[in-house]
Amino acid sequence: MYFEIESKRQDVKMYVVSTKQMLNNAQRGGYAVPAFNIHNLETMQVVVETAANLHAPVIIAGTPGTFTHAGIENLLALVSAMAKQYHPSTGNSSRPSHEI
């Protein structure tokens, strides 16, 4: 299971998309999409924040053990919550505008 996070380069927004869609976009755009295995909250925070700051797509991955231990639904909720930090509707103007 992967959570794909892709950044719209011009709009500086992040959102969850399918791997197929993300990689098709990368192929058309001539760029690579890195995948990072996450094992804890801190790793996920760094990966999401860095991708947002770079306006770059990223695949958040994990081992089967990570998904079993944390729960897929919990991880998806966590990624979505992190995305809200970068979404313009949150009213947090001190951060870049992103959407996952």
N, C-alpha and C. Protein backbone atom coordinates (compact mmCIF):
# COMPACT_ATOMS: atom_id res chain seq x y z
N MET A 1 0.85 -1.18 0.00
CA MET A 1 0.00 0.00 0.00
C MET A 1 0.88 1.23 0.00
N TYR A 2 0.57 2.17 -0.85
CA TYR A 2 1.30 3.42 -0.93
C TYR A 2 0.33 4.58 -0.75
N PHE A 3 0.83 5.65 -0.17
CA PHE A 3 0.12 6.92 -0.18
C PHE A 3 0.93 7.81 -1.09
N GLU A 4 0.36 8.23 -2.18
CA GLU A 4 1.07 9.05 -3.13
C GLU A 4 0.72 10.50 -2.88
N ILE A 5 1.72 11.31 -2.83
CA ILE A 5 1.49 12.74 -2.62
C ILE A 5 2.14 13.45 -3.78
N GLU A 6 1.36 14.19 -4.52
CA GLU A 6 1.90 14.89 -5.68
C GLU A 6 1.64 16.38 -5.52
N SER A 7 2.63 17.15 -5.85
CA SER A 7 2.52 18.60 -5.76
C SER A 7 2.29 19.18 -7.14
N LYS A 8 1.30 20.05 -7.26
CA LYS A 8 1.12 20.81 -8.50
C LYS A 8 2.19 21.89 -8.46
N ARG A 9 3.14 21.83 -9.33
CA ARG A 9 4.30 22.70 -9.26
C ARG A 9 3.93 24.19 -9.26
N GLN A 10 3.01 24.63 -10.07
CA GLN A 10 2.70 26.05 -10.13
C GLN A 10 1.77 26.49 -9.01
N ASP A 11 0.81 25.67 -8.65
CA ASP A 11 -0.16 26.05 -7.63
C ASP A 11 0.34 25.78 -6.22
N VAL A 12 1.42 25.05 -6.07
CA VAL A 12 1.98 24.70 -4.77
C VAL A 12 0.91 24.05 -3.90
N LYS A 13 0.20 23.08 -4.44
CA LYS A 13 -0.81 22.35 -3.69
C LYS A 13 -0.48 20.87 -3.71
N MET A 14 -0.81 20.18 -2.62
CA MET A 14 -0.54 18.75 -2.55
C MET A 14 -1.85 17.99 -2.39
N TYR A 15 -1.89 16.79 -2.94
CA TYR A 15 -3.09 15.98 -2.85
C TYR A 15 -2.71 14.52 -3.04
N VAL A 16 -3.56 13.61 -2.58
CA VAL A 16 -3.33 12.18 -2.74
C VAL A 16 -3.84 11.76 -4.11
N VAL A 17 -3.00 11.05 -4.86
CA VAL A 17 -3.38 10.56 -6.19
C VAL A 17 -2.92 9.12 -6.31
N SER A 18 -3.38 8.45 -7.37
CA SER A 18 -2.94 7.08 -7.61
C SER A 18 -1.51 7.07 -8.13
N THR A 19 -0.82 5.96 -7.89
CA THR A 19 0.55 5.84 -8.38
C THR A 19 0.58 5.95 -9.89
N LYS A 20 -0.39 5.33 -10.55
CA LYS A 20 -0.44 5.37 -12.01
C LYS A 20 -0.54 6.80 -12.51
N GLN A 21 -1.45 7.58 -11.93
CA GLN A 21 -1.62 8.97 -12.35
C GLN A 21 -0.34 9.76 -12.09
N MET A 22 0.25 9.57 -10.92
CA MET A 22 1.46 10.32 -10.58
C MET A 22 2.61 9.99 -11.53
N LEU A 23 2.81 8.70 -11.80
CA LEU A 23 3.92 8.31 -12.66
C LEU A 23 3.67 8.68 -14.12
N ASN A 24 2.43 8.67 -14.56
CA ASN A 24 2.12 9.16 -15.91
C ASN A 24 2.45 10.64 -16.02
N ASN A 25 2.08 11.42 -15.00
CA ASN A 25 2.41 12.85 -14.99
C ASN A 25 3.92 13.06 -15.01
N ALA A 26 4.64 12.26 -14.23
CA ALA A 26 6.10 12.37 -14.18
C ALA A 26 6.73 12.03 -15.53
N GLN A 27 6.21 10.99 -16.16
CA GLN A 27 6.75 10.60 -17.46
C GLN A 27 6.52 11.71 -18.49
N ARG A 28 5.31 12.26 -18.51
CA ARG A 28 5.01 13.36 -19.43
C ARG A 28 5.86 14.59 -19.11
N GLY A 29 6.10 14.84 -17.83
CA GLY A 29 6.86 16.02 -17.42
C GLY A 29 8.36 15.83 -17.39
N GLY A 30 8.82 14.60 -17.56
CA GLY A 30 10.25 14.33 -17.59
C GLY A 30 10.94 14.46 -16.24
N TYR A 31 10.27 14.05 -15.17
CA TYR A 31 10.88 14.11 -13.85
C TYR A 31 10.65 12.80 -13.10
N ALA A 32 11.42 12.59 -12.05
CA ALA A 32 11.32 11.38 -11.23
C ALA A 32 10.47 11.65 -10.00
N VAL A 33 9.90 10.59 -9.44
CA VAL A 33 9.13 10.69 -8.20
C VAL A 33 9.78 9.77 -7.16
N PRO A 34 10.36 10.33 -6.10
CA PRO A 34 10.98 9.48 -5.08
C PRO A 34 9.93 8.82 -4.19
N ALA A 35 10.29 7.66 -3.65
CA ALA A 35 9.45 6.96 -2.67
C ALA A 35 10.24 6.84 -1.38
N PHE A 36 9.59 7.13 -0.27
CA PHE A 36 10.23 7.06 1.04
C PHE A 36 9.46 6.11 1.94
N ASN A 37 10.17 5.16 2.55
CA ASN A 37 9.55 4.30 3.55
C ASN A 37 9.43 5.07 4.85
N ILE A 38 8.25 5.11 5.39
CA ILE A 38 8.04 5.80 6.66
C ILE A 38 7.85 4.75 7.74
N HIS A 39 8.39 5.04 8.91
CA HIS A 39 8.28 4.11 10.02
C HIS A 39 7.78 4.78 11.28
N ASN A 40 7.67 6.10 11.24
CA ASN A 40 7.18 6.81 12.42
C ASN A 40 6.67 8.19 12.01
N LEU A 41 6.05 8.86 12.94
CA LEU A 41 5.46 10.17 12.69
C LEU A 41 6.49 11.19 12.23
N GLU A 42 7.64 11.19 12.87
CA GLU A 42 8.66 12.18 12.54
C GLU A 42 9.15 12.04 11.10
N THR A 43 9.33 10.81 10.66
CA THR A 43 9.76 10.58 9.28
C THR A 43 8.70 11.08 8.30
N MET A 44 7.45 10.77 8.58
CA MET A 44 6.37 11.22 7.71
C MET A 44 6.30 12.75 7.66
N GLN A 45 6.46 13.40 8.81
CA GLN A 45 6.42 14.86 8.85
C GLN A 45 7.52 15.46 7.99
N VAL A 46 8.72 14.94 8.10
CA VAL A 46 9.85 15.47 7.33
C VAL A 46 9.62 15.27 5.84
N VAL A 47 9.17 14.09 5.44
CA VAL A 47 8.95 13.81 4.03
C VAL A 47 7.86 14.72 3.45
N VAL A 48 6.73 14.83 4.13
CA VAL A 48 5.62 15.67 3.64
C VAL A 48 6.04 17.14 3.60
N GLU A 49 6.67 17.62 4.65
CA GLU A 49 7.07 19.03 4.69
C GLU A 49 8.11 19.34 3.62
N THR A 50 9.07 18.46 3.43
CA THR A 50 10.10 18.69 2.42
C THR A 50 9.50 18.68 1.02
N ALA A 51 8.62 17.72 0.75
CA ALA A 51 7.96 17.68 -0.56
C ALA A 51 7.16 18.95 -0.79
N ALA A 52 6.48 19.42 0.24
CA ALA A 52 5.70 20.65 0.12
C ALA A 52 6.61 21.84 -0.16
N ASN A 53 7.70 21.94 0.58
CA ASN A 53 8.62 23.07 0.39
C ASN A 53 9.27 23.05 -0.98
N LEU A 54 9.50 21.86 -1.53
CA LEU A 54 10.12 21.73 -2.85
C LEU A 54 9.09 21.72 -3.98
N HIS A 55 7.80 21.74 -3.61
CA HIS A 55 6.73 21.68 -4.61
C HIS A 55 6.90 20.45 -5.48
N ALA A 56 7.24 19.32 -4.85
CA ALA A 56 7.58 18.11 -5.57
C ALA A 56 6.66 16.95 -5.19
N PRO A 57 6.40 16.05 -6.14
CA PRO A 57 5.62 14.86 -5.81
C PRO A 57 6.47 13.89 -5.00
N VAL A 58 5.82 13.06 -4.22
CA VAL A 58 6.51 12.07 -3.41
C VAL A 58 5.57 10.90 -3.16
N ILE A 59 6.14 9.71 -3.07
CA ILE A 59 5.38 8.53 -2.70
C ILE A 59 5.77 8.17 -1.27
N ILE A 60 4.78 8.09 -0.40
CA ILE A 60 5.02 7.66 0.97
C ILE A 60 4.70 6.18 1.02
N ALA A 61 5.70 5.39 1.37
CA ALA A 61 5.57 3.94 1.39
C ALA A 61 5.93 3.43 2.78
N GLY A 62 5.71 2.16 2.98
CA GLY A 62 6.06 1.54 4.25
C GLY A 62 6.10 0.04 4.09
N THR A 63 6.69 -0.61 5.05
CA THR A 63 6.75 -2.06 5.03
C THR A 63 5.38 -2.62 5.43
N PRO A 64 5.12 -3.87 5.11
CA PRO A 64 3.87 -4.47 5.57
C PRO A 64 3.71 -4.36 7.09
N GLY A 65 4.81 -4.49 7.81
CA GLY A 65 4.76 -4.36 9.26
C GLY A 65 4.32 -2.99 9.72
N THR A 66 4.78 -1.96 9.02
CA THR A 66 4.39 -0.59 9.35
C THR A 66 2.89 -0.42 9.20
N PHE A 67 2.36 -0.90 8.08
CA PHE A 67 0.93 -0.75 7.82
C PHE A 67 0.09 -1.61 8.76
N THR A 68 0.60 -2.79 9.10
CA THR A 68 -0.12 -3.65 10.05
C THR A 68 -0.12 -3.03 11.43
N HIS A 69 1.02 -2.54 11.86
CA HIS A 69 1.15 -1.98 13.21
C HIS A 69 0.34 -0.69 13.36
N ALA A 70 0.50 0.23 12.41
CA ALA A 70 -0.16 1.54 12.53
C ALA A 70 -1.59 1.51 12.01
N GLY A 71 -1.87 0.65 11.05
CA GLY A 71 -3.19 0.62 10.43
C GLY A 71 -3.25 1.55 9.24
N ILE A 72 -3.70 1.02 8.12
CA ILE A 72 -3.75 1.81 6.88
C ILE A 72 -4.65 3.03 7.05
N GLU A 73 -5.80 2.85 7.68
CA GLU A 73 -6.73 3.97 7.86
C GLU A 73 -6.10 5.06 8.72
N ASN A 74 -5.36 4.66 9.75
CA ASN A 74 -4.70 5.64 10.61
C ASN A 74 -3.63 6.42 9.86
N LEU A 75 -2.86 5.72 9.03
CA LEU A 75 -1.82 6.40 8.26
C LEU A 75 -2.41 7.36 7.24
N LEU A 76 -3.47 6.94 6.58
CA LEU A 76 -4.12 7.84 5.62
C LEU A 76 -4.67 9.07 6.33
N ALA A 77 -5.27 8.88 7.49
CA ALA A 77 -5.78 10.02 8.26
C ALA A 77 -4.64 10.94 8.67
N LEU A 78 -3.51 10.38 9.02
CA LEU A 78 -2.35 11.18 9.42
C LEU A 78 -1.83 12.01 8.26
N VAL A 79 -1.69 11.39 7.09
CA VAL A 79 -1.23 12.11 5.91
C VAL A 79 -2.21 13.22 5.56
N SER A 80 -3.50 12.92 5.61
CA SER A 80 -4.51 13.94 5.31
C SER A 80 -4.45 15.09 6.30
N ALA A 81 -4.24 14.79 7.57
CA ALA A 81 -4.13 15.85 8.58
C ALA A 81 -2.91 16.72 8.33
N MET A 82 -1.81 16.10 7.94
CA MET A 82 -0.61 16.88 7.63
C MET A 82 -0.85 17.80 6.43
N ALA A 83 -1.61 17.30 5.46
CA ALA A 83 -1.89 18.10 4.28
C ALA A 83 -2.66 19.36 4.63
N LYS A 84 -3.53 19.27 5.62
CA LYS A 84 -4.33 20.43 6.00
C LYS A 84 -3.46 21.57 6.50
N GLN A 85 -2.27 21.26 6.99
CA GLN A 85 -1.35 22.31 7.43
C GLN A 85 -0.94 23.19 6.25
N TYR A 86 -1.00 22.64 5.05
CA TYR A 86 -0.55 23.35 3.86
C TYR A 86 -1.71 23.78 2.96
N HIS A 87 -2.92 23.66 3.45
CA HIS A 87 -4.10 23.99 2.64
C HIS A 87 -4.54 25.41 2.97
N PRO A 88 -4.86 26.22 1.96
CA PRO A 88 -5.23 27.62 2.20
C PRO A 88 -6.47 27.80 3.07
N SER A 89 -7.36 26.81 3.10
CA SER A 89 -8.60 26.98 3.87
C SER A 89 -8.38 26.88 5.37
N THR A 90 -7.18 26.47 5.81
CA THR A 90 -6.92 26.35 7.24
C THR A 90 -6.67 27.70 7.89
N GLY A 91 -6.41 28.71 7.06
CA GLY A 91 -6.16 30.03 7.61
C GLY A 91 -4.76 30.19 8.18
N ASN A 92 -3.89 29.22 7.95
CA ASN A 92 -2.53 29.30 8.44
C ASN A 92 -1.68 29.96 7.37
N SER A 93 -1.63 31.27 7.37
CA SER A 93 -0.94 32.00 6.31
C SER A 93 0.57 31.97 6.47
N SER A 94 1.08 31.47 7.60
CA SER A 94 2.53 31.44 7.78
C SER A 94 3.16 30.25 7.07
N ARG A 95 2.35 29.33 6.55
CA ARG A 95 2.87 28.16 5.84
C ARG A 95 2.52 28.26 4.36
N PRO A 96 3.29 27.55 3.52
CA PRO A 96 2.93 27.52 2.11
C PRO A 96 1.57 26.85 1.92
N SER A 97 0.92 27.14 0.83
CA SER A 97 -0.40 26.58 0.55
C SER A 97 -0.24 25.24 -0.17
N HIS A 98 -0.68 24.16 0.46
CA HIS A 98 -0.59 22.82 -0.11
C HIS A 98 -1.85 22.03 0.18
N GLU A 99 -2.06 21.02 -0.61
CA GLU A 99 -3.22 20.14 -0.41
C GLU A 99 -2.81 18.72 -0.74
N ILE A 100 -3.16 17.77 0.11
CA ILE A 100 -2.86 16.36 -0.19
C ILE A 100 -4.13 15.70 -0.68
